[in-house]
Full PDB file with SEQRES, HELIX, SHEET, SSBOND, CRYST1, ORIGX, SCALE, CONECT and MASTER records, all heavy atoms in Angstrom:
SEQRES   1 A   41  ALA GLN ASP VAL ALA GLY LYS LYS ILE GLY ILE ALA ALA          
SEQRES   2 A   41  ARG GLU ILE THR ASN ASP TYR ASN ARG ASP ILE ILE ALA          
SEQRES   3 A   41  GLY ALA GLU LYS ALA LEU LYS ALA ALA GLY ALA GLU VAL          
SEQRES   4 A   41  VAL VAL                                                      
HELIX    1 AA1 ASP A   19  ALA A   34  1                                  16    
SHEET    1 AA1 2 LYS A   8  GLY A  10  0                                        
SHEET    2 AA1 2 GLU A  38  VAL A  40  1                                        
CRYST1    1.000    1.000    1.000  90.00  90.00  90.00 P 1           1          
ORIGX1      1.000000  0.000000  0.000000        0.00000                         
ORIGX2      0.000000  1.000000  0.000000        0.00000                         
ORIGX3      0.000000  0.000000  1.000000        0.00000                         
SCALE1      1.000000  0.000000  0.000000        0.00000                         
SCALE2      0.000000  1.000000  0.000000        0.00000                         
SCALE3      0.000000  0.000000  1.000000        0.00000                         
ATOM      1  N   ALA A   1     -13.031   0.846   6.167  1.00  0.00           N  
ATOM      2  CA  ALA A   1     -11.969   1.226   7.027  1.00  0.00           C  
ATOM      3  C   ALA A   1     -11.955   0.481   8.342  1.00  0.00           C  
ATOM      4  O   ALA A   1     -10.896   0.115   8.797  1.00  0.00           O  
ATOM      5  CB  ALA A   1     -12.005   2.779   7.323  1.00  0.00           C  
ATOM      6  N   GLN A   2     -13.108   0.215   8.859  1.00  0.00           N  
ATOM      7  CA  GLN A   2     -13.226  -0.514  10.087  1.00  0.00           C  
ATOM      8  C   GLN A   2     -12.717  -1.960   9.951  1.00  0.00           C  
ATOM      9  O   GLN A   2     -12.147  -2.590  10.758  1.00  0.00           O  
ATOM     10  CB  GLN A   2     -14.677  -0.508  10.595  1.00  0.00           C  
ATOM     11  CG  GLN A   2     -15.137   0.832  11.158  1.00  0.00           C  
ATOM     12  CD  GLN A   2     -16.614   0.809  11.507  1.00  0.00           C  
ATOM     13  OE1 GLN A   2     -17.332  -0.218  11.339  1.00  0.00           O  
ATOM     14  NE2 GLN A   2     -17.107   1.943  11.958  1.00  0.00           N  
ATOM     15  N   ASP A   3     -12.959  -2.530   8.718  1.00  0.00           N  
ATOM     16  CA  ASP A   3     -12.571  -3.826   8.458  1.00  0.00           C  
ATOM     17  C   ASP A   3     -11.054  -4.078   8.396  1.00  0.00           C  
ATOM     18  O   ASP A   3     -10.530  -5.174   8.566  1.00  0.00           O  
ATOM     19  CB  ASP A   3     -13.109  -4.291   7.047  1.00  0.00           C  
ATOM     20  CG  ASP A   3     -14.592  -4.552   7.097  1.00  0.00           C  
ATOM     21  OD1 ASP A   3     -15.096  -4.973   8.110  1.00  0.00           O  
ATOM     22  OD2 ASP A   3     -15.304  -4.238   6.096  1.00  0.00           O  
ATOM     23  N   VAL A   4     -10.284  -3.067   8.122  1.00  0.00           N  
ATOM     24  CA  VAL A   4      -8.817  -3.185   8.014  1.00  0.00           C  
ATOM     25  C   VAL A   4      -8.080  -2.318   9.089  1.00  0.00           C  
ATOM     26  O   VAL A   4      -6.829  -2.433   9.056  1.00  0.00           O  
ATOM     27  CB  VAL A   4      -8.302  -2.822   6.656  1.00  0.00           C  
ATOM     28  CG1 VAL A   4      -8.937  -3.652   5.548  1.00  0.00           C  
ATOM     29  CG2 VAL A   4      -8.569  -1.293   6.413  1.00  0.00           C  
ATOM     30  N   ALA A   5      -8.707  -1.483   9.895  1.00  0.00           N  
ATOM     31  CA  ALA A   5      -8.110  -0.777  10.824  1.00  0.00           C  
ATOM     32  C   ALA A   5      -7.189  -1.559  11.715  1.00  0.00           C  
ATOM     33  O   ALA A   5      -7.606  -2.553  12.389  1.00  0.00           O  
ATOM     34  CB  ALA A   5      -9.127   0.006  11.689  1.00  0.00           C  
ATOM     35  N   GLY A   6      -5.916  -1.296  11.792  1.00  0.00           N  
ATOM     36  CA  GLY A   6      -4.943  -1.952  12.572  1.00  0.00           C  
ATOM     37  C   GLY A   6      -4.394  -3.187  11.974  1.00  0.00           C  
ATOM     38  O   GLY A   6      -3.559  -3.843  12.559  1.00  0.00           O  
ATOM     39  N   LYS A   7      -4.953  -3.670  10.799  1.00  0.00           N  
ATOM     40  CA  LYS A   7      -4.535  -4.930  10.135  1.00  0.00           C  
ATOM     41  C   LYS A   7      -3.418  -4.611   9.160  1.00  0.00           C  
ATOM     42  O   LYS A   7      -3.172  -3.465   8.688  1.00  0.00           O  
ATOM     43  CB  LYS A   7      -5.715  -5.625   9.461  1.00  0.00           C  
ATOM     44  CG  LYS A   7      -6.810  -6.008  10.404  1.00  0.00           C  
ATOM     45  CD  LYS A   7      -7.937  -6.759   9.630  1.00  0.00           C  
ATOM     46  CE  LYS A   7      -8.957  -7.197  10.669  1.00  0.00           C  
ATOM     47  NZ  LYS A   7     -10.049  -7.945   9.889  1.00  0.00           N  
ATOM     48  N   LYS A   8      -2.734  -5.624   8.808  1.00  0.00           N  
ATOM     49  CA  LYS A   8      -1.571  -5.586   7.881  1.00  0.00           C  
ATOM     50  C   LYS A   8      -1.974  -6.042   6.516  1.00  0.00           C  
ATOM     51  O   LYS A   8      -2.558  -6.986   6.260  1.00  0.00           O  
ATOM     52  CB  LYS A   8      -0.418  -6.497   8.323  1.00  0.00           C  
ATOM     53  CG  LYS A   8       0.842  -6.375   7.592  1.00  0.00           C  
ATOM     54  CD  LYS A   8       2.070  -6.852   8.366  1.00  0.00           C  
ATOM     55  CE  LYS A   8       1.832  -8.384   8.556  1.00  0.00           C  
ATOM     56  NZ  LYS A   8       3.074  -9.033   9.190  1.00  0.00           N  
ATOM     57  N   ILE A   9      -1.603  -5.117   5.463  1.00  0.00           N  
ATOM     58  CA  ILE A   9      -1.923  -5.497   4.107  1.00  0.00           C  
ATOM     59  C   ILE A   9      -0.589  -5.447   3.330  1.00  0.00           C  
ATOM     60  O   ILE A   9       0.164  -4.572   3.548  1.00  0.00           O  
ATOM     61  CB  ILE A   9      -2.923  -4.454   3.568  1.00  0.00           C  
ATOM     62  CG1 ILE A   9      -4.331  -4.652   4.183  1.00  0.00           C  
ATOM     63  CG2 ILE A   9      -3.059  -4.625   2.032  1.00  0.00           C  
ATOM     64  CD1 ILE A   9      -5.394  -3.830   3.671  1.00  0.00           C  
ATOM     65  N   GLY A  10      -0.398  -6.298   2.475  1.00  0.00           N  
ATOM     66  CA  GLY A  10       0.800  -6.403   1.726  1.00  0.00           C  
ATOM     67  C   GLY A  10       0.682  -5.855   0.266  1.00  0.00           C  
ATOM     68  O   GLY A  10      -0.367  -5.963  -0.280  1.00  0.00           O  
ATOM     69  N   ILE A  11       1.749  -5.140  -0.133  1.00  0.00           N  
ATOM     70  CA  ILE A  11       1.859  -4.779  -1.540  1.00  0.00           C  
ATOM     71  C   ILE A  11       3.126  -5.449  -2.108  1.00  0.00           C  
ATOM     72  O   ILE A  11       4.218  -5.199  -1.652  1.00  0.00           O  
ATOM     73  CB  ILE A  11       1.981  -3.241  -1.709  1.00  0.00           C  
ATOM     74  CG1 ILE A  11       0.861  -2.503  -1.157  1.00  0.00           C  
ATOM     75  CG2 ILE A  11       2.211  -2.895  -3.137  1.00  0.00           C  
ATOM     76  CD1 ILE A  11       0.887  -1.059  -1.232  1.00  0.00           C  
ATOM     77  N   ALA A  12       2.911  -6.426  -2.984  1.00  0.00           N  
ATOM     78  CA  ALA A  12       4.090  -7.186  -3.593  1.00  0.00           C  
ATOM     79  C   ALA A  12       4.396  -6.618  -4.893  1.00  0.00           C  
ATOM     80  O   ALA A  12       3.639  -6.763  -5.862  1.00  0.00           O  
ATOM     81  CB  ALA A  12       3.715  -8.708  -3.656  1.00  0.00           C  
ATOM     82  N   ALA A  13       5.579  -5.996  -5.016  1.00  0.00           N  
ATOM     83  CA  ALA A  13       5.938  -5.423  -6.279  1.00  0.00           C  
ATOM     84  C   ALA A  13       6.960  -6.367  -6.908  1.00  0.00           C  
ATOM     85  O   ALA A  13       7.918  -6.851  -6.283  1.00  0.00           O  
ATOM     86  CB  ALA A  13       6.642  -4.062  -6.040  1.00  0.00           C  
ATOM     87  N   ARG A  14       6.892  -6.655  -8.206  1.00  0.00           N  
ATOM     88  CA  ARG A  14       7.842  -7.459  -8.953  1.00  0.00           C  
ATOM     89  C   ARG A  14       9.147  -6.735  -8.961  1.00  0.00           C  
ATOM     90  O   ARG A  14      10.256  -7.278  -8.819  1.00  0.00           O  
ATOM     91  CB  ARG A  14       7.343  -7.766 -10.337  1.00  0.00           C  
ATOM     92  CG  ARG A  14       8.206  -8.864 -10.996  1.00  0.00           C  
ATOM     93  CD  ARG A  14       7.863  -9.116 -12.482  1.00  0.00           C  
ATOM     94  NE  ARG A  14       7.962  -7.858 -13.214  1.00  0.00           N  
ATOM     95  CZ  ARG A  14       7.503  -7.753 -14.593  1.00  0.00           C  
ATOM     96  NH1 ARG A  14       6.806  -8.676 -15.055  1.00  0.00           N  
ATOM     97  NH2 ARG A  14       7.743  -6.621 -15.162  1.00  0.00           N  
ATOM     98  N   GLU A  15       9.119  -5.383  -9.233  1.00  0.00           N  
ATOM     99  CA  GLU A  15      10.302  -4.578  -9.196  1.00  0.00           C  
ATOM    100  C   GLU A  15       9.922  -3.200  -8.840  1.00  0.00           C  
ATOM    101  O   GLU A  15       8.804  -2.754  -9.041  1.00  0.00           O  
ATOM    102  CB  GLU A  15      11.114  -4.570 -10.446  1.00  0.00           C  
ATOM    103  CG  GLU A  15      10.409  -3.998 -11.623  1.00  0.00           C  
ATOM    104  CD  GLU A  15       9.861  -5.046 -12.598  1.00  0.00           C  
ATOM    105  OE1 GLU A  15       9.863  -6.216 -12.311  1.00  0.00           O  
ATOM    106  OE2 GLU A  15       9.341  -4.578 -13.623  1.00  0.00           O  
ATOM    107  N   ILE A  16      10.928  -2.346  -8.325  1.00  0.00           N  
ATOM    108  CA  ILE A  16      10.627  -0.886  -8.074  1.00  0.00           C  
ATOM    109  C   ILE A  16      11.771  -0.257  -8.737  1.00  0.00           C  
ATOM    110  O   ILE A  16      12.777   0.112  -8.144  1.00  0.00           O  
ATOM    111  CB  ILE A  16      10.548  -0.595  -6.594  1.00  0.00           C  
ATOM    112  CG1 ILE A  16       9.529  -1.633  -5.865  1.00  0.00           C  
ATOM    113  CG2 ILE A  16      10.136   0.741  -6.268  1.00  0.00           C  
ATOM    114  CD1 ILE A  16       9.434  -1.433  -4.403  1.00  0.00           C  
ATOM    115  N   THR A  17      11.553   0.056 -10.029  1.00  0.00           N  
ATOM    116  CA  THR A  17      12.641   0.639 -10.784  1.00  0.00           C  
ATOM    117  C   THR A  17      12.406   1.988 -11.440  1.00  0.00           C  
ATOM    118  O   THR A  17      13.308   2.709 -11.812  1.00  0.00           O  
ATOM    119  CB  THR A  17      13.203  -0.210 -11.936  1.00  0.00           C  
ATOM    120  OG1 THR A  17      12.059  -0.488 -12.778  1.00  0.00           O  
ATOM    121  CG2 THR A  17      13.646  -1.625 -11.331  1.00  0.00           C  
ATOM    122  N   ASN A  18      11.127   2.420 -11.582  1.00  0.00           N  
ATOM    123  CA  ASN A  18      10.867   3.596 -12.280  1.00  0.00           C  
ATOM    124  C   ASN A  18       9.637   4.286 -11.564  1.00  0.00           C  
ATOM    125  O   ASN A  18       9.062   3.718 -10.622  1.00  0.00           O  
ATOM    126  CB  ASN A  18      10.592   3.430 -13.678  1.00  0.00           C  
ATOM    127  CG  ASN A  18       9.477   2.334 -14.068  1.00  0.00           C  
ATOM    128  OD1 ASN A  18       8.697   2.108 -13.279  1.00  0.00           O  
ATOM    129  ND2 ASN A  18       9.539   1.919 -15.258  1.00  0.00           N  
ATOM    130  N   ASP A  19       9.128   5.390 -12.171  1.00  0.00           N  
ATOM    131  CA  ASP A  19       8.078   6.154 -11.674  1.00  0.00           C  
ATOM    132  C   ASP A  19       6.756   5.242 -11.656  1.00  0.00           C  
ATOM    133  O   ASP A  19       5.943   5.428 -10.735  1.00  0.00           O  
ATOM    134  CB  ASP A  19       7.811   7.386 -12.506  1.00  0.00           C  
ATOM    135  CG  ASP A  19       8.946   8.494 -12.300  1.00  0.00           C  
ATOM    136  OD1 ASP A  19       9.480   8.481 -11.155  1.00  0.00           O  
ATOM    137  OD2 ASP A  19       9.169   9.239 -13.171  1.00  0.00           O  
ATOM    138  N   TYR A  20       6.598   4.502 -12.708  1.00  0.00           N  
ATOM    139  CA  TYR A  20       5.435   3.668 -12.808  1.00  0.00           C  
ATOM    140  C   TYR A  20       5.299   2.710 -11.675  1.00  0.00           C  
ATOM    141  O   TYR A  20       4.248   2.631 -11.036  1.00  0.00           O  
ATOM    142  CB  TYR A  20       5.583   2.863 -14.172  1.00  0.00           C  
ATOM    143  CG  TYR A  20       4.439   1.943 -14.422  1.00  0.00           C  
ATOM    144  CD1 TYR A  20       3.217   2.464 -14.909  1.00  0.00           C  
ATOM    145  CD2 TYR A  20       4.472   0.569 -14.171  1.00  0.00           C  
ATOM    146  CE1 TYR A  20       2.137   1.660 -15.285  1.00  0.00           C  
ATOM    147  CE2 TYR A  20       3.419  -0.221 -14.423  1.00  0.00           C  
ATOM    148  CZ  TYR A  20       2.221   0.249 -14.986  1.00  0.00           C  
ATOM    149  OH  TYR A  20       1.223  -0.519 -15.255  1.00  0.00           O  
ATOM    150  N   ASN A  21       6.394   2.036 -11.295  1.00  0.00           N  
ATOM    151  CA  ASN A  21       6.355   1.143 -10.141  1.00  0.00           C  
ATOM    152  C   ASN A  21       6.068   1.930  -8.840  1.00  0.00           C  
ATOM    153  O   ASN A  21       5.241   1.550  -8.101  1.00  0.00           O  
ATOM    154  CB  ASN A  21       7.691   0.432  -9.985  1.00  0.00           C  
ATOM    155  CG  ASN A  21       8.049  -0.329 -11.180  1.00  0.00           C  
ATOM    156  OD1 ASN A  21       9.231  -0.313 -11.652  1.00  0.00           O  
ATOM    157  ND2 ASN A  21       7.154  -1.074 -11.854  1.00  0.00           N  
ATOM    158  N   ARG A  22       6.787   2.954  -8.618  1.00  0.00           N  
ATOM    159  CA  ARG A  22       6.765   3.762  -7.334  1.00  0.00           C  
ATOM    160  C   ARG A  22       5.414   4.358  -7.174  1.00  0.00           C  
ATOM    161  O   ARG A  22       4.826   4.401  -6.071  1.00  0.00           O  
ATOM    162  CB  ARG A  22       7.836   4.823  -7.360  1.00  0.00           C  
ATOM    163  CG  ARG A  22       9.324   4.269  -7.175  1.00  0.00           C  
ATOM    164  CD  ARG A  22      10.213   5.283  -6.977  1.00  0.00           C  
ATOM    165  NE  ARG A  22      10.558   6.020  -8.281  1.00  0.00           N  
ATOM    166  CZ  ARG A  22      11.481   5.689  -9.058  1.00  0.00           C  
ATOM    167  NH1 ARG A  22      12.223   4.584  -8.859  1.00  0.00           N  
ATOM    168  NH2 ARG A  22      11.673   6.325 -10.232  1.00  0.00           N  
ATOM    169  N   ASP A  23       4.786   4.885  -8.327  1.00  0.00           N  
ATOM    170  CA  ASP A  23       3.503   5.558  -8.141  1.00  0.00           C  
ATOM    171  C   ASP A  23       2.331   4.659  -7.964  1.00  0.00           C  
ATOM    172  O   ASP A  23       1.332   5.059  -7.351  1.00  0.00           O  
ATOM    173  CB  ASP A  23       3.304   6.461  -9.290  1.00  0.00           C  
ATOM    174  CG  ASP A  23       4.186   7.727  -9.207  1.00  0.00           C  
ATOM    175  OD1 ASP A  23       4.772   7.912  -8.135  1.00  0.00           O  
ATOM    176  OD2 ASP A  23       4.160   8.565 -10.132  1.00  0.00           O  
ATOM    177  N   ILE A  24       2.345   3.384  -8.475  1.00  0.00           N  
ATOM    178  CA  ILE A  24       1.315   2.493  -8.063  1.00  0.00           C  
ATOM    179  C   ILE A  24       1.391   2.138  -6.639  1.00  0.00           C  
ATOM    180  O   ILE A  24       0.411   2.155  -5.999  1.00  0.00           O  
ATOM    181  CB  ILE A  24       1.512   1.164  -8.996  1.00  0.00           C  
ATOM    182  CG1 ILE A  24       1.105   1.410 -10.495  1.00  0.00           C  
ATOM    183  CG2 ILE A  24       0.638   0.058  -8.421  1.00  0.00           C  
ATOM    184  CD1 ILE A  24       1.412   0.130 -11.323  1.00  0.00           C  
ATOM    185  N   ILE A  25       2.570   1.944  -6.167  1.00  0.00           N  
ATOM    186  CA  ILE A  25       2.729   1.643  -4.733  1.00  0.00           C  
ATOM    187  C   ILE A  25       2.235   2.834  -3.905  1.00  0.00           C  
ATOM    188  O   ILE A  25       1.473   2.643  -2.940  1.00  0.00           O  
ATOM    189  CB  ILE A  25       4.181   1.333  -4.396  1.00  0.00           C  
ATOM    190  CG1 ILE A  25       4.634  -0.039  -5.094  1.00  0.00           C  
ATOM    191  CG2 ILE A  25       4.366   1.203  -2.858  1.00  0.00           C  
ATOM    192  CD1 ILE A  25       6.122  -0.237  -5.015  1.00  0.00           C  
ATOM    193  N   ALA A  26       2.606   4.034  -4.254  1.00  0.00           N  
ATOM    194  CA  ALA A  26       2.242   5.225  -3.541  1.00  0.00           C  
ATOM    195  C   ALA A  26       0.720   5.419  -3.512  1.00  0.00           C  
ATOM    196  O   ALA A  26       0.121   5.738  -2.558  1.00  0.00           O  
ATOM    197  CB  ALA A  26       2.863   6.392  -4.020  1.00  0.00           C  
ATOM    198  N   GLY A  27       0.036   5.167  -4.608  1.00  0.00           N  
ATOM    199  CA  GLY A  27      -1.328   5.337  -4.707  1.00  0.00           C  
ATOM    200  C   GLY A  27      -2.077   4.267  -3.862  1.00  0.00           C  
ATOM    201  O   GLY A  27      -3.038   4.663  -3.162  1.00  0.00           O  
ATOM    202  N   ALA A  28      -1.670   3.007  -3.822  1.00  0.00           N  
ATOM    203  CA  ALA A  28      -2.266   1.982  -3.100  1.00  0.00           C  
ATOM    204  C   ALA A  28      -1.953   2.255  -1.591  1.00  0.00           C  
ATOM    205  O   ALA A  28      -2.839   2.278  -0.715  1.00  0.00           O  
ATOM    206  CB  ALA A  28      -1.719   0.686  -3.493  1.00  0.00           C  
ATOM    207  N   GLU A  29      -0.668   2.631  -1.273  1.00  0.00           N  
ATOM    208  CA  GLU A  29      -0.339   2.817   0.152  1.00  0.00           C  
ATOM    209  C   GLU A  29      -1.135   3.949   0.736  1.00  0.00           C  
ATOM    210  O   GLU A  29      -1.634   3.820   1.909  1.00  0.00           O  
ATOM    211  CB  GLU A  29       1.152   3.158   0.162  1.00  0.00           C  
ATOM    212  CG  GLU A  29       1.781   2.891   1.496  1.00  0.00           C  
ATOM    213  CD  GLU A  29       3.265   2.947   1.450  1.00  0.00           C  
ATOM    214  OE1 GLU A  29       3.907   3.433   0.447  1.00  0.00           O  
ATOM    215  OE2 GLU A  29       3.930   2.422   2.437  1.00  0.00           O  
ATOM    216  N   LYS A  30      -1.351   4.971   0.002  1.00  0.00           N  
ATOM    217  CA  LYS A  30      -2.027   6.182   0.631  1.00  0.00           C  
ATOM    218  C   LYS A  30      -3.500   5.735   0.886  1.00  0.00           C  
ATOM    219  O   LYS A  30      -4.056   6.187   1.989  1.00  0.00           O  
ATOM    220  CB  LYS A  30      -2.025   7.315  -0.442  1.00  0.00           C  
ATOM    221  CG  LYS A  30      -2.739   8.585   0.035  1.00  0.00           C  
ATOM    222  CD  LYS A  30      -2.616   9.679  -0.987  1.00  0.00           C  
ATOM    223  CE  LYS A  30      -3.372  10.981  -0.508  1.00  0.00           C  
ATOM    224  NZ  LYS A  30      -3.305  11.990  -1.543  1.00  0.00           N  
ATOM    225  N   ALA A  31      -4.159   5.071  -0.022  1.00  0.00           N  
ATOM    226  CA  ALA A  31      -5.506   4.612   0.210  1.00  0.00           C  
ATOM    227  C   ALA A  31      -5.667   3.651   1.380  1.00  0.00           C  
ATOM    228  O   ALA A  31      -6.596   3.726   2.161  1.00  0.00           O  
ATOM    229  CB  ALA A  31      -6.094   4.028  -1.057  1.00  0.00           C  
ATOM    230  N   LEU A  32      -4.756   2.732   1.480  1.00  0.00           N  
ATOM    231  CA  LEU A  32      -4.815   1.710   2.499  1.00  0.00           C  
ATOM    232  C   LEU A  32      -4.484   2.295   3.935  1.00  0.00           C  
ATOM    233  O   LEU A  32      -5.188   1.971   4.919  1.00  0.00           O  
ATOM    234  CB  LEU A  32      -3.842   0.581   2.227  1.00  0.00           C  
ATOM    235  CG  LEU A  32      -4.170  -0.172   0.981  1.00  0.00           C  
ATOM    236  CD1 LEU A  32      -2.920  -1.128   0.591  1.00  0.00           C  
ATOM    237  CD2 LEU A  32      -5.427  -1.047   1.159  1.00  0.00           C  
ATOM    238  N   LYS A  33      -3.580   3.210   3.953  1.00  0.00           N  
ATOM    239  CA  LYS A  33      -3.262   3.863   5.250  1.00  0.00           C  
ATOM    240  C   LYS A  33      -4.286   4.756   5.664  1.00  0.00           C  
ATOM    241  O   LYS A  33      -4.591   4.821   6.909  1.00  0.00           O  
ATOM    242  CB  LYS A  33      -1.910   4.617   5.167  1.00  0.00           C  
ATOM    243  CG  LYS A  33      -0.645   3.728   5.135  1.00  0.00           C  
ATOM    244  CD  LYS A  33       0.603   4.526   5.122  1.00  0.00           C  
ATOM    245  CE  LYS A  33       1.890   3.636   5.139  1.00  0.00           C  
ATOM    246  NZ  LYS A  33       3.056   4.394   5.157  1.00  0.00           N  
ATOM    247  N   ALA A  34      -5.070   5.350   4.695  1.00  0.00           N  
ATOM    248  CA  ALA A  34      -6.191   6.170   5.103  1.00  0.00           C  
ATOM    249  C   ALA A  34      -7.315   5.401   5.731  1.00  0.00           C  
ATOM    250  O   ALA A  34      -8.053   5.875   6.533  1.00  0.00           O  
ATOM    251  CB  ALA A  34      -6.683   6.971   3.859  1.00  0.00           C  
ATOM    252  N   ALA A  35      -7.326   4.102   5.334  1.00  0.00           N  
ATOM    253  CA  ALA A  35      -8.349   3.205   5.930  1.00  0.00           C  
ATOM    254  C   ALA A  35      -7.806   2.664   7.291  1.00  0.00           C  
ATOM    255  O   ALA A  35      -8.580   1.795   7.771  1.00  0.00           O  
ATOM    256  CB  ALA A  35      -8.657   2.118   4.962  1.00  0.00           C  
ATOM    257  N   GLY A  36      -6.711   2.947   7.658  1.00  0.00           N  
ATOM    258  CA  GLY A  36      -6.130   2.502   8.963  1.00  0.00           C  
ATOM    259  C   GLY A  36      -5.323   1.306   8.919  1.00  0.00           C  
ATOM    260  O   GLY A  36      -4.997   0.724  10.007  1.00  0.00           O  
ATOM    261  N   ALA A  37      -4.953   0.801   7.737  1.00  0.00           N  
ATOM    262  CA  ALA A  37      -4.189  -0.432   7.587  1.00  0.00           C  
ATOM    263  C   ALA A  37      -2.710  -0.142   7.809  1.00  0.00           C  
ATOM    264  O   ALA A  37      -2.179   1.000   7.481  1.00  0.00           O  
ATOM    265  CB  ALA A  37      -4.390  -1.100   6.294  1.00  0.00           C  
ATOM    266  N   GLU A  38      -2.016  -1.156   8.198  1.00  0.00           N  
ATOM    267  CA  GLU A  38      -0.480  -1.123   8.211  1.00  0.00           C  
ATOM    268  C   GLU A  38      -0.065  -1.812   6.954  1.00  0.00           C  
ATOM    269  O   GLU A  38      -0.494  -2.816   6.615  1.00  0.00           O  
ATOM    270  CB  GLU A  38       0.095  -1.944   9.455  1.00  0.00           C  
ATOM    271  CG  GLU A  38       1.567  -2.036   9.374  1.00  0.00           C  
ATOM    272  CD  GLU A  38       2.063  -3.116  10.468  1.00  0.00           C  
ATOM    273  OE1 GLU A  38       1.281  -3.411  11.270  1.00  0.00           O  
ATOM    274  OE2 GLU A  38       3.260  -3.436  10.296  1.00  0.00           O  
ATOM    275  N   VAL A  39       0.791  -1.090   6.133  1.00  0.00           N  
ATOM    276  CA  VAL A  39       1.183  -1.537   4.861  1.00  0.00           C  
ATOM    277  C   VAL A  39       2.626  -2.063   4.816  1.00  0.00           C  
ATOM    278  O   VAL A  39       3.576  -1.302   5.330  1.00  0.00           O  
ATOM    279  CB  VAL A  39       0.977  -0.333   3.763  1.00  0.00           C  
ATOM    280  CG1 VAL A  39       1.407  -0.882   2.511  1.00  0.00           C  
ATOM    281  CG2 VAL A  39      -0.468   0.091   3.752  1.00  0.00           C  
ATOM    282  N   VAL A  40       2.797  -3.265   4.277  1.00  0.00           N  
ATOM    283  CA  VAL A  40       4.135  -3.880   4.037  1.00  0.00           C  
ATOM    284  C   VAL A  40       4.409  -3.988   2.670  1.00  0.00           C  
ATOM    285  O   VAL A  40       3.574  -4.569   1.860  1.00  0.00           O  
ATOM    286  CB  VAL A  40       4.219  -5.226   4.759  1.00  0.00           C  
ATOM    287  CG1 VAL A  40       5.579  -5.880   4.511  1.00  0.00           C  
ATOM    288  CG2 VAL A  40       3.926  -5.183   6.155  1.00  0.00           C  
ATOM    289  N   VAL A  41       5.514  -3.476   2.092  1.00  0.00           N  
ATOM    290  CA  VAL A  41       5.838  -3.535   0.673  1.00  0.00           C  
ATOM    291  C   VAL A  41       6.987  -4.414   0.390  1.00  0.00           C  
ATOM    292  O   VAL A  41       8.104  -4.347   1.224  1.00  0.00           O  
ATOM    293  CB  VAL A  41       6.190  -2.071   0.156  1.00  0.00           C  
ATOM    294  CG1 VAL A  41       6.582  -2.096  -1.323  1.00  0.00           C  
ATOM    295  CG2 VAL A  41       4.998  -1.121   0.324  1.00  0.00           C  
TER     296      VAL A  41                                                      
MASTER        0    0    0    1    2    0    0    6  295    1    0    4          
END                                                                             
């Protein structure tokens, strides 16, 4: 968490069209934000 606190991390989705796409993003985003990162999708 200290390594990424305040840093920007990208999530690059090929498409966001269904639950599968959205939930992968949501799962990653939640974990990254919990570590203090800023997330860009």
